[in-house]
Amino acid sequence: MTPRRLIVLTYVVLLCVFGGWAGAMFLEARGEYLQLRQVQAAGEARLAAAEARFKEQEIFLKRLRNDPDFAEHVIRQQLGYGRKGEVVIRFDPGF
């Protein structure tokens, strides 16, 4: 084998090794990228759900502040209060 062929063969082998290494690094980086995209999509979905819940709570709070009938309904239902002269009967929800 001539020295010229040996040098060319060495370059080809080195190029193949470098190409394989670069391909492996690319695949690893692509996997990490796809995983981060999934994490981002999940985070955006949680954010959208939290924003929707916040808007619902904002509307609920506005109604509590501005609508006395609604406020009375919520107080009676959630706190179990009654008007003067009313008897409030509470049942155990465990049955």
PDB file of N, CA and C in Angstrom:
ATOM      1  N   MET A   1       0.852  -1.161   0.000  1.00  0.00           N
ATOM      2  CA  MET A   1       0.000   0.000   0.000  1.00  0.00           C
ATOM      3  C   MET A   1       0.901   1.228   0.000  1.00  0.00           C
ATOM      4  N   THR A   2       0.564   2.161  -0.833  1.00  0.00           N
ATOM      5  CA  THR A   2       1.399   3.352  -0.955  1.00  0.00           C
ATOM      6  C   THR A   2       1.055   4.339   0.163  1.00  0.00           C
ATOM      7  N   PRO A   3       2.008   5.205   0.473  1.00  0.00           N
ATOM      8  CA  PRO A   3       1.747   6.191   1.529  1.00  0.00           C
ATOM      9  C   PRO A   3       0.557   7.102   1.203  1.00  0.00           C
ATOM     10  N   ARG A   4       0.373   7.399  -0.080  1.00  0.00           N
ATOM     11  CA  ARG A   4      -0.744   8.263  -0.489  1.00  0.00           C
ATOM     12  C   ARG A   4      -2.073   7.573  -0.181  1.00  0.00           C
ATOM     13  N   ARG A   5      -2.184   6.295  -0.497  1.00  0.00           N
ATOM     14  CA  ARG A   5      -3.414   5.540  -0.225  1.00  0.00           C
ATOM     15  C   ARG A   5      -3.633   5.420   1.294  1.00  0.00           C
ATOM     16  N   LEU A   6      -2.586   5.280   2.032  1.00  0.00           N
ATOM     17  CA  LEU A   6      -2.695   5.173   3.484  1.00  0.00           C
ATOM     18  C   LEU A   6      -3.233   6.480   4.079  1.00  0.00           C
ATOM     19  N   ILE A   7      -2.764   7.601   3.582  1.00  0.00           N
ATOM     20  CA  ILE A   7      -3.238   8.907   4.048  1.00  0.00           C
ATOM     21  C   ILE A   7      -4.709   9.094   3.681  1.00  0.00           C
ATOM     22  N   VAL A   8      -5.082   8.761   2.452  1.00  0.00           N
ATOM     23  CA  VAL A   8      -6.476   8.888   2.010  1.00  0.00           C
ATOM     24  C   VAL A   8      -7.371   7.972   2.853  1.00  0.00           C
ATOM     25  N   LEU A   9      -6.949   6.759   3.089  1.00  0.00           N
ATOM     26  CA  LEU A   9      -7.716   5.822   3.908  1.00  0.00           C
ATOM     27  C   LEU A   9      -7.868   6.343   5.337  1.00  0.00           C
ATOM     28  N   THR A  10      -6.805   6.941   5.873  1.00  0.00           N
ATOM     29  CA  THR A  10      -6.869   7.504   7.222  1.00  0.00           C
ATOM     30  C   THR A  10      -7.887   8.647   7.274  1.00  0.00           C
ATOM     31  N   TYR A  11      -7.860   9.514   6.249  1.00  0.00           N
ATOM     32  CA  TYR A  11      -8.823  10.612   6.193  1.00  0.00           C
ATOM     33  C   TYR A  11     -10.255  10.095   6.065  1.00  0.00           C
ATOM     34  N   VAL A  12     -10.463   9.088   5.277  1.00  0.00           N
ATOM     35  CA  VAL A  12     -11.801   8.519   5.104  1.00  0.00           C
ATOM     36  C   VAL A  12     -12.296   7.921   6.417  1.00  0.00           C
ATOM     37  N   VAL A  13     -11.423   7.193   7.107  1.00  0.00           N
ATOM     38  CA  VAL A  13     -11.807   6.595   8.391  1.00  0.00           C
ATOM     39  C   VAL A  13     -12.122   7.689   9.409  1.00  0.00           C
ATOM     40  N   LEU A  14     -11.253   8.710   9.468  1.00  0.00           N
ATOM     41  CA  LEU A  14     -11.495   9.816  10.397  1.00  0.00           C
ATOM     42  C   LEU A  14     -12.793  10.553  10.062  1.00  0.00           C
ATOM     43  N   LEU A  15     -13.063  10.751   8.772  1.00  0.00           N
ATOM     44  CA  LEU A  15     -14.290  11.413   8.344  1.00  0.00           C
ATOM     45  C   LEU A  15     -15.516  10.581   8.736  1.00  0.00           C
ATOM     46  N   CYS A  16     -15.440   9.281   8.577  1.00  0.00           N
ATOM     47  CA  CYS A  16     -16.554   8.404   8.965  1.00  0.00           C
ATOM     48  C   CYS A  16     -16.771   8.430  10.479  1.00  0.00           C
ATOM     49  N   VAL A  17     -15.678   8.398  11.242  1.00  0.00           N
ATOM     50  CA  VAL A  17     -15.792   8.451  12.701  1.00  0.00           C
ATOM     51  C   VAL A  17     -16.391   9.784  13.125  1.00  0.00           C
ATOM     52  N   PHE A  18     -15.893  10.877  12.560  1.00  0.00           N
ATOM     53  CA  PHE A  18     -16.427  12.201  12.896  1.00  0.00           C
ATOM     54  C   PHE A  18     -17.890  12.315  12.480  1.00  0.00           C
ATOM     55  N   GLY A  19     -18.228  11.811  11.310  1.00  0.00           N
ATOM     56  CA  GLY A  19     -19.622  11.842  10.849  1.00  0.00           C
ATOM     57  C   GLY A  19     -20.538  11.031  11.752  1.00  0.00           C
ATOM     58  N   GLY A  20     -20.086   9.875  12.190  1.00  0.00           N
ATOM     59  CA  GLY A  20     -20.881   9.069  13.124  1.00  0.00           C
ATOM     60  C   GLY A  20     -21.072   9.761  14.448  1.00  0.00           C
ATOM     61  N   TRP A  21     -19.998  10.368  14.958  1.00  0.00           N
ATOM     62  CA  TRP A  21     -20.091  11.107  16.218  1.00  0.00           C
ATOM     63  C   TRP A  21     -21.040  12.290  16.080  1.00  0.00           C
ATOM     64  N   ALA A  22     -20.915  13.049  14.983  1.00  0.00           N
ATOM     65  CA  ALA A  22     -21.783  14.203  14.764  1.00  0.00           C
ATOM     66  C   ALA A  22     -23.245  13.762  14.619  1.00  0.00           C
ATOM     67  N   GLY A  23     -23.475  12.653  13.927  1.00  0.00           N
ATOM     68  CA  GLY A  23     -24.840  12.135  13.792  1.00  0.00           C
ATOM     69  C   GLY A  23     -25.426  11.732  15.131  1.00  0.00           C
ATOM     70  N   ALA A  24     -24.625  11.095  15.970  1.00  0.00           N
ATOM     71  CA  ALA A  24     -25.097  10.697  17.296  1.00  0.00           C
ATOM     72  C   ALA A  24     -25.417  11.920  18.151  1.00  0.00           C
ATOM     73  N   MET A  25     -24.578  12.932  18.080  1.00  0.00           N
ATOM     74  CA  MET A  25     -24.828  14.161  18.834  1.00  0.00           C
ATOM     75  C   MET A  25     -26.094  14.854  18.330  1.00  0.00           C
ATOM     76  N   PHE A  26     -26.292  14.846  17.021  1.00  0.00           N
ATOM     77  CA  PHE A  26     -27.490  15.455  16.454  1.00  0.00           C
ATOM     78  C   PHE A  26     -28.739  14.729  16.932  1.00  0.00           C
ATOM     79  N   LEU A  27     -28.716  13.410  16.922  1.00  0.00           N
ATOM     80  CA  LEU A  27     -29.885  12.645  17.367  1.00  0.00           C
ATOM     81  C   LEU A  27     -30.173  12.884  18.848  1.00  0.00           C
ATOM     82  N   GLU A  28     -29.127  12.961  19.647  1.00  0.00           N
ATOM     83  CA  GLU A  28     -29.316  13.243  21.074  1.00  0.00           C
ATOM     84  C   GLU A  28     -29.907  14.634  21.286  1.00  0.00           C
ATOM     85  N   ALA A  29     -29.387  15.620  20.561  1.00  0.00           N
ATOM     86  CA  ALA A  29     -29.908  16.987  20.678  1.00  0.00           C
ATOM     87  C   ALA A  29     -31.352  17.054  20.192  1.00  0.00           C
ATOM     88  N   ARG A  30     -31.662  16.334  19.139  1.00  0.00           N
ATOM     89  CA  ARG A  30     -33.044  16.321  18.626  1.00  0.00           C
ATOM     90  C   ARG A  30     -33.996  15.697  19.644  1.00  0.00           C
ATOM     91  N   GLY A  31     -33.555  14.641  20.308  1.00  0.00           N
ATOM     92  CA  GLY A  31     -34.372  14.024  21.350  1.00  0.00           C
ATOM     93  C   GLY A  31     -34.646  14.982  22.500  1.00  0.00           C
ATOM     94  N   GLU A  32     -33.614  15.700  22.929  1.00  0.00           N
ATOM     95  CA  GLU A  32     -33.787  16.689  23.989  1.00  0.00           C
ATOM     96  C   GLU A  32     -34.726  17.810  23.541  1.00  0.00           C
ATOM     97  N   TYR A  33     -34.585  18.236  22.296  1.00  0.00           N
ATOM     98  CA  TYR A  33     -35.451  19.285  21.758  1.00  0.00           C
ATOM     99  C   TYR A  33     -36.909  18.841  21.764  1.00  0.00           C
ATOM    100  N   LEU A  34     -37.176  17.615  21.315  1.00  0.00           N
ATOM    101  CA  LEU A  34     -38.549  17.119  21.281  1.00  0.00           C
ATOM    102  C   LEU A  34     -39.112  16.988  22.697  1.00  0.00           C
ATOM    103  N   GLN A  35     -38.282  16.565  23.633  1.00  0.00           N
ATOM    104  CA  GLN A  35     -38.732  16.459  25.017  1.00  0.00           C
ATOM    105  C   GLN A  35     -39.071  17.843  25.578  1.00  0.00           C
ATOM    106  N   LEU A  36     -38.238  18.824  25.286  1.00  0.00           N
ATOM    107  CA  LEU A  36     -38.504  20.179  25.762  1.00  0.00           C
ATOM    108  C   LEU A  36     -39.757  20.761  25.117  1.00  0.00           C
ATOM    109  N   ARG A  37     -40.023  20.411  23.868  1.00  0.00           N
ATOM    110  CA  ARG A  37     -41.257  20.865  23.221  1.00  0.00           C
ATOM    111  C   ARG A  37     -42.473  20.284  23.932  1.00  0.00           C
ATOM    112  N   GLN A  38     -42.396  19.021  24.359  1.00  0.00           N
ATOM    113  CA  GLN A  38     -43.508  18.413  25.091  1.00  0.00           C
ATOM    114  C   GLN A  38     -43.699  19.087  26.442  1.00  0.00           C
ATOM    115  N   VAL A  39     -42.608  19.395  27.120  1.00  0.00           N
ATOM    116  CA  VAL A  39     -42.695  20.083  28.409  1.00  0.00           C
ATOM    117  C   VAL A  39     -43.307  21.467  28.213  1.00  0.00           C
ATOM    118  N   GLN A  40     -42.902  22.150  27.151  1.00  0.00           N
ATOM    119  CA  GLN A  40     -43.447  23.468  26.870  1.00  0.00           C
ATOM    120  C   GLN A  40     -44.937  23.387  26.569  1.00  0.00           C
ATOM    121  N   ALA A  41     -45.358  22.409  25.789  1.00  0.00           N
ATOM    122  CA  ALA A  41     -46.780  22.262  25.459  1.00  0.00           C
ATOM    123  C   ALA A  41     -47.593  21.973  26.721  1.00  0.00           C
ATOM    124  N   ALA A  42     -47.063  21.135  27.604  1.00  0.00           N
ATOM    125  CA  ALA A  42     -47.764  20.839  28.855  1.00  0.00           C
ATOM    126  C   ALA A  42     -47.855  22.093  29.727  1.00  0.00           C
ATOM    127  N   GLY A  43     -46.785  22.869  29.769  1.00  0.00           N
ATOM    128  CA  GLY A  43     -46.796  24.112  30.537  1.00  0.00           C
ATOM    129  C   GLY A  43     -47.784  25.120  29.976  1.00  0.00           C
ATOM    130  N   GLU A  44     -47.852  25.217  28.659  1.00  0.00           N
ATOM    131  CA  GLU A  44     -48.812  26.130  28.039  1.00  0.00           C
ATOM    132  C   GLU A  44     -50.246  25.688  28.302  1.00  0.00           C
ATOM    133  N   ALA A  45     -50.487  24.389  28.315  1.00  0.00           N
ATOM    134  CA  ALA A  45     -51.834  23.880  28.617  1.00  0.00           C
ATOM    135  C   ALA A  45     -52.206  24.195  30.063  1.00  0.00           C
ATOM    136  N   ARG A  46     -51.251  24.004  30.991  1.00  0.00           N
ATOM    137  CA  ARG A  46     -51.524  24.343  32.398  1.00  0.00           C
ATOM    138  C   ARG A  46     -51.770  25.833  32.559  1.00  0.00           C
ATOM    139  N   LEU A  47     -51.013  26.651  31.829  1.00  0.00           N
ATOM    140  CA  LEU A  47     -51.193  28.092  31.894  1.00  0.00           C
ATOM    141  C   LEU A  47     -52.568  28.490  31.380  1.00  0.00           C
ATOM    142  N   ALA A  48     -52.991  27.909  30.269  1.00  0.00           N
ATOM    143  CA  ALA A  48     -54.310  28.231  29.716  1.00  0.00           C
ATOM    144  C   ALA A  48     -55.415  27.824  30.690  1.00  0.00           C
ATOM    145  N   ALA A  49     -55.267  26.667  31.329  1.00  0.00           N
ATOM    146  CA  ALA A  49     -56.270  26.234  32.305  1.00  0.00           C
ATOM    147  C   ALA A  49     -56.294  27.173  33.509  1.00  0.00           C
ATOM    148  N   ALA A  50     -55.127  27.600  33.957  1.00  0.00           N
ATOM    149  CA  ALA A  50     -55.059  28.515  35.100  1.00  0.00           C
ATOM    150  C   ALA A  50     -55.657  29.875  34.749  1.00  0.00           C
ATOM    151  N   GLU A  51     -55.403  30.347  33.529  1.00  0.00           N
ATOM    152  CA  GLU A  51     -55.982  31.621  33.107  1.00  0.00           C
ATOM    153  C   GLU A  51     -57.499  31.532  33.017  1.00  0.00           C
ATOM    154  N   ALA A  52     -58.019  30.420  32.517  1.00  0.00           N
ATOM    155  CA  ALA A  52     -59.472  30.239  32.431  1.00  0.00           C
ATOM    156  C   ALA A  52     -60.080  30.193  33.837  1.00  0.00           C
ATOM    157  N   ARG A  53     -59.432  29.462  34.748  1.00  0.00           N
ATOM    158  CA  ARG A  53     -59.922  29.391  36.125  1.00  0.00           C
ATOM    159  C   ARG A  53     -59.874  30.774  36.786  1.00  0.00           C
ATOM    160  N   PHE A  54     -58.824  31.546  36.504  1.00  0.00           N
ATOM    161  CA  PHE A  54     -58.700  32.894  37.048  1.00  0.00           C
ATOM    162  C   PHE A  54     -59.834  33.788  36.558  1.00  0.00           C
ATOM    163  N   LYS A  55     -60.165  33.686  35.262  1.00  0.00           N
ATOM    164  CA  LYS A  55     -61.258  34.499  34.724  1.00  0.00           C
ATOM    165  C   LYS A  55     -62.588  34.128  35.362  1.00  0.00           C
ATOM    166  N   GLU A  56     -62.814  32.825  35.567  1.00  0.00           N
ATOM    167  CA  GLU A  56     -64.046  32.385  36.232  1.00  0.00           C
ATOM    168  C   GLU A  56     -64.114  32.929  37.655  1.00  0.00           C
ATOM    169  N   GLN A  57     -62.991  32.882  38.372  1.00  0.00           N
ATOM    170  CA  GLN A  57     -62.965  33.383  39.739  1.00  0.00           C
ATOM    171  C   GLN A  57     -63.143  34.896  39.779  1.00  0.00           C
ATOM    172  N   GLU A  58     -62.602  35.574  38.771  1.00  0.00           N
ATOM    173  CA  GLU A  58     -62.769  37.022  38.689  1.00  0.00           C
ATOM    174  C   GLU A  58     -64.239  37.388  38.490  1.00  0.00           C
ATOM    175  N   ILE A  59     -64.927  36.651  37.616  1.00  0.00           N
ATOM    176  CA  ILE A  59     -66.358  36.885  37.379  1.00  0.00           C
ATOM    177  C   ILE A  59     -67.149  36.590  38.649  1.00  0.00           C
ATOM    178  N   PHE A  60     -66.810  35.487  39.334  1.00  0.00           N
ATOM    179  CA  PHE A  60     -67.485  35.119  40.578  1.00  0.00           C
ATOM    180  C   PHE A  60     -67.311  36.224  41.624  1.00  0.00           C
ATOM    181  N   LEU A  61     -66.085  36.731  41.763  1.00  0.00           N
ATOM    182  CA  LEU A  61     -65.804  37.781  42.733  1.00  0.00           C
ATOM    183  C   LEU A  61     -66.559  39.063  42.389  1.00  0.00           C
ATOM    184  N   LYS A  62     -66.607  39.406  41.101  1.00  0.00           N
ATOM    185  CA  LYS A  62     -67.327  40.606  40.682  1.00  0.00           C
ATOM    186  C   LYS A  62     -68.812  40.474  41.010  1.00  0.00           C
ATOM    187  N   ARG A  63     -69.379  39.271  40.789  1.00  0.00           N
ATOM    188  CA  ARG A  63     -70.788  39.055  41.127  1.00  0.00           C
ATOM    189  C   ARG A  63     -71.012  39.142  42.632  1.00  0.00           C
ATOM    190  N   LEU A  64     -70.069  38.606  43.418  1.00  0.00           N
ATOM    191  CA  LEU A  64     -70.204  38.705  44.874  1.00  0.00           C
ATOM    192  C   LEU A  64     -70.198  40.150  45.342  1.00  0.00           C
ATOM    193  N   ARG A  65     -69.372  40.952  44.722  1.00  0.00           N
ATOM    194  CA  ARG A  65     -69.266  42.363  45.133  1.00  0.00           C
ATOM    195  C   ARG A  65     -70.463  43.194  44.689  1.00  0.00           C
ATOM    196  N   ASN A  66     -71.052  42.874  43.525  1.00  0.00           N
ATOM    197  CA  ASN A  66     -72.059  43.757  42.935  1.00  0.00           C
ATOM    198  C   ASN A  66     -73.489  43.235  42.998  1.00  0.00           C
ATOM    199  N   ASP A  67     -73.688  41.962  43.256  1.00  0.00           N
ATOM    200  CA  ASP A  67     -75.034  41.377  43.239  1.00  0.00           C
ATOM    201  C   ASP A  67     -75.374  40.849  44.627  1.00  0.00           C
ATOM    202  N   PRO A  68     -76.172  41.606  45.400  1.00  0.00           N
ATOM    203  CA  PRO A  68     -76.487  41.172  46.762  1.00  0.00           C
ATOM    204  C   PRO A  68     -77.274  39.863  46.813  1.00  0.00           C
ATOM    205  N   ASP A  69     -78.133  39.626  45.842  1.00  0.00           N
ATOM    206  CA  ASP A  69     -78.891  38.368  45.827  1.00  0.00           C
ATOM    207  C   ASP A  69     -77.954  37.172  45.621  1.00  0.00           C
ATOM    208  N   PHE A  70     -76.997  37.329  44.733  1.00  0.00           N
ATOM    209  CA  PHE A  70     -76.021  36.255  44.509  1.00  0.00           C
ATOM    210  C   PHE A  70     -75.179  36.037  45.756  1.00  0.00           C
ATOM    211  N   ALA A  71     -74.752  37.134  46.400  1.00  0.00           N
ATOM    212  CA  ALA A  71     -73.951  37.024  47.617  1.00  0.00           C
ATOM    213  C   ALA A  71     -74.741  36.285  48.702  1.00  0.00           C
ATOM    214  N   GLU A  72     -76.023  36.612  48.837  1.00  0.00           N
ATOM    215  CA  GLU A  72     -76.861  35.930  49.826  1.00  0.00           C
ATOM    216  C   GLU A  72     -76.983  34.440  49.500  1.00  0.00           C
ATOM    217  N   HIS A  73     -77.160  34.127  48.225  1.00  0.00           N
ATOM    218  CA  HIS A  73     -77.270  32.728  47.798  1.00  0.00           C
ATOM    219  C   HIS A  73     -75.995  31.946  48.146  1.00  0.00           C
ATOM    220  N   VAL A  74     -74.863  32.550  47.876  1.00  0.00           N
ATOM    221  CA  VAL A  74     -73.584  31.880  48.151  1.00  0.00           C
ATOM    222  C   VAL A  74     -73.394  31.700  49.655  1.00  0.00           C
ATOM    223  N   ILE A  75     -73.713  32.719  50.423  1.00  0.00           N
ATOM    224  CA  ILE A  75     -73.566  32.639  51.885  1.00  0.00           C
ATOM    225  C   ILE A  75     -74.479  31.562  52.450  1.00  0.00           C
ATOM    226  N   ARG A  76     -75.717  31.514  51.972  1.00  0.00           N
ATOM    227  CA  ARG A  76     -76.654  30.504  52.469  1.00  0.00           C
ATOM    228  C   ARG A  76     -76.197  29.097  52.078  1.00  0.00           C
ATOM    229  N   GLN A  77     -75.744  28.947  50.848  1.00  0.00           N
ATOM    230  CA  GLN A  77     -75.384  27.615  50.360  1.00  0.00           C
ATOM    231  C   GLN A  77     -74.078  27.110  50.961  1.00  0.00           C
ATOM    232  N   GLN A  78     -73.054  27.935  50.944  1.00  0.00           N
ATOM    233  CA  GLN A  78     -71.729  27.457  51.348  1.00  0.00           C
ATOM    234  C   GLN A  78     -71.486  27.552  52.846  1.00  0.00           C
ATOM    235  N   LEU A  79     -72.068  28.544  53.497  1.00  0.00           N
ATOM    236  CA  LEU A  79     -71.821  28.707  54.926  1.00  0.00           C
ATOM    237  C   LEU A  79     -72.965  28.178  55.780  1.00  0.00           C
ATOM    238  N   GLY A  80     -74.100  27.888  55.161  1.00  0.00           N
ATOM    239  CA  GLY A  80     -75.224  27.330  55.898  1.00  0.00           C
ATOM    240  C   GLY A  80     -75.959  28.344  56.748  1.00  0.00           C
ATOM    241  N   TYR A  81     -75.871  29.624  56.407  1.00  0.00           N
ATOM    242  CA  TYR A  81     -76.566  30.650  57.169  1.00  0.00           C
ATOM    243  C   TYR A  81     -78.036  30.688  56.763  1.00  0.00           C
ATOM    244  N   GLY A  82     -78.850  31.242  57.629  1.00  0.00           N
ATOM    245  CA  GLY A  82     -80.267  31.414  57.327  1.00  0.00           C
ATOM    246  C   GLY A  82     -80.716  32.800  57.768  1.00  0.00           C
ATOM    247  N   ARG A  83     -81.904  33.169  57.352  1.00  0.00           N
ATOM    248  CA  ARG A  83     -82.475  34.460  57.764  1.00  0.00           C
ATOM    249  C   ARG A  83     -83.057  34.326  59.165  1.00  0.00           C
ATOM    250  N   LYS A  84     -83.426  35.451  59.737  1.00  0.00           N
ATOM    251  CA  LYS A  84     -84.042  35.433  61.058  1.00  0.00           C
ATOM    252  C   LYS A  84     -85.355  34.674  60.972  1.00  0.00           C
ATOM    253  N   GLY A  85     -85.544  33.797  61.891  1.00  0.00           N
ATOM    254  CA  GLY A  85     -86.773  33.028  61.944  1.00  0.00           C
ATOM    255  C   GLY A  85     -86.707  31.728  61.162  1.00  0.00           C
ATOM    256  N   GLU A  86     -85.668  31.522  60.383  1.00  0.00           N
ATOM    257  CA  GLU A  86     -85.521  30.274  59.633  1.00  0.00           C
ATOM    258  C   GLU A  86     -84.769  29.262  60.478  1.00  0.00           C
ATOM    259  N   VAL A  87     -85.065  28.001  60.251  1.00  0.00           N
ATOM    260  CA  VAL A  87     -84.336  26.922  60.909  1.00  0.00           C
ATOM    261  C   VAL A  87     -83.500  26.226  59.844  1.00  0.00           C
ATOM    262  N   VAL A  88     -82.211  26.166  60.072  1.00  0.00           N
ATOM    263  CA  VAL A  88     -81.303  25.521  59.124  1.00  0.00           C
ATOM    264  C   VAL A  88     -81.026  24.111  59.623  1.00  0.00           C
ATOM    265  N   ILE A  89     -81.309  23.128  58.792  1.00  0.00           N
ATOM    266  CA  ILE A  89     -81.083  21.732  59.136  1.00  0.00           C
ATOM    267  C   ILE A  89     -79.932  21.226  58.267  1.00  0.00           C
ATOM    268  N   ARG A  90     -78.914  20.697  58.926  1.00  0.00           N
ATOM    269  CA  ARG A  90     -77.743  20.205  58.192  1.00  0.00           C
ATOM    270  C   ARG A  90     -77.726  18.694  58.277  1.00  0.00           C
ATOM    271  N   PHE A  91     -77.436  18.055  57.160  1.00  0.00           N
ATOM    272  CA  PHE A  91     -77.354  16.613  57.088  1.00  0.00           C
ATOM    273  C   PHE A  91     -75.906  16.216  56.886  1.00  0.00           C
ATOM    274  N   ASP A  92     -75.535  15.079  57.432  1.00  0.00           N
ATOM    275  CA  ASP A  92     -74.192  14.553  57.262  1.00  0.00           C
ATOM    276  C   ASP A  92     -74.060  13.999  55.846  1.00  0.00           C
ATOM    277  N   PRO A  93     -73.135  14.533  55.023  1.00  0.00           N
ATOM    278  CA  PRO A  93     -73.023  14.059  53.631  1.00  0.00           C
ATOM    279  C   PRO A  93     -72.364  12.691  53.517  1.00  0.00           C
ATOM    280  N   GLY A  94     -72.021  12.077  54.659  1.00  0.00           N
ATOM    281  CA  GLY A  94     -71.363  10.775  54.628  1.00  0.00           C
ATOM    282  C   GLY A  94     -72.295   9.620  54.315  1.00  0.00           C
ATOM    283  N   PHE A  95     -73.602   9.859  54.299  1.00  0.00           N
ATOM    284  CA  PHE A  95     -74.547   8.767  54.040  1.00  0.00           C
ATOM    285  C   PHE A  95     -74.772   8.549  52.597  1.00  0.00           C
TER     286      PHE A  95
END
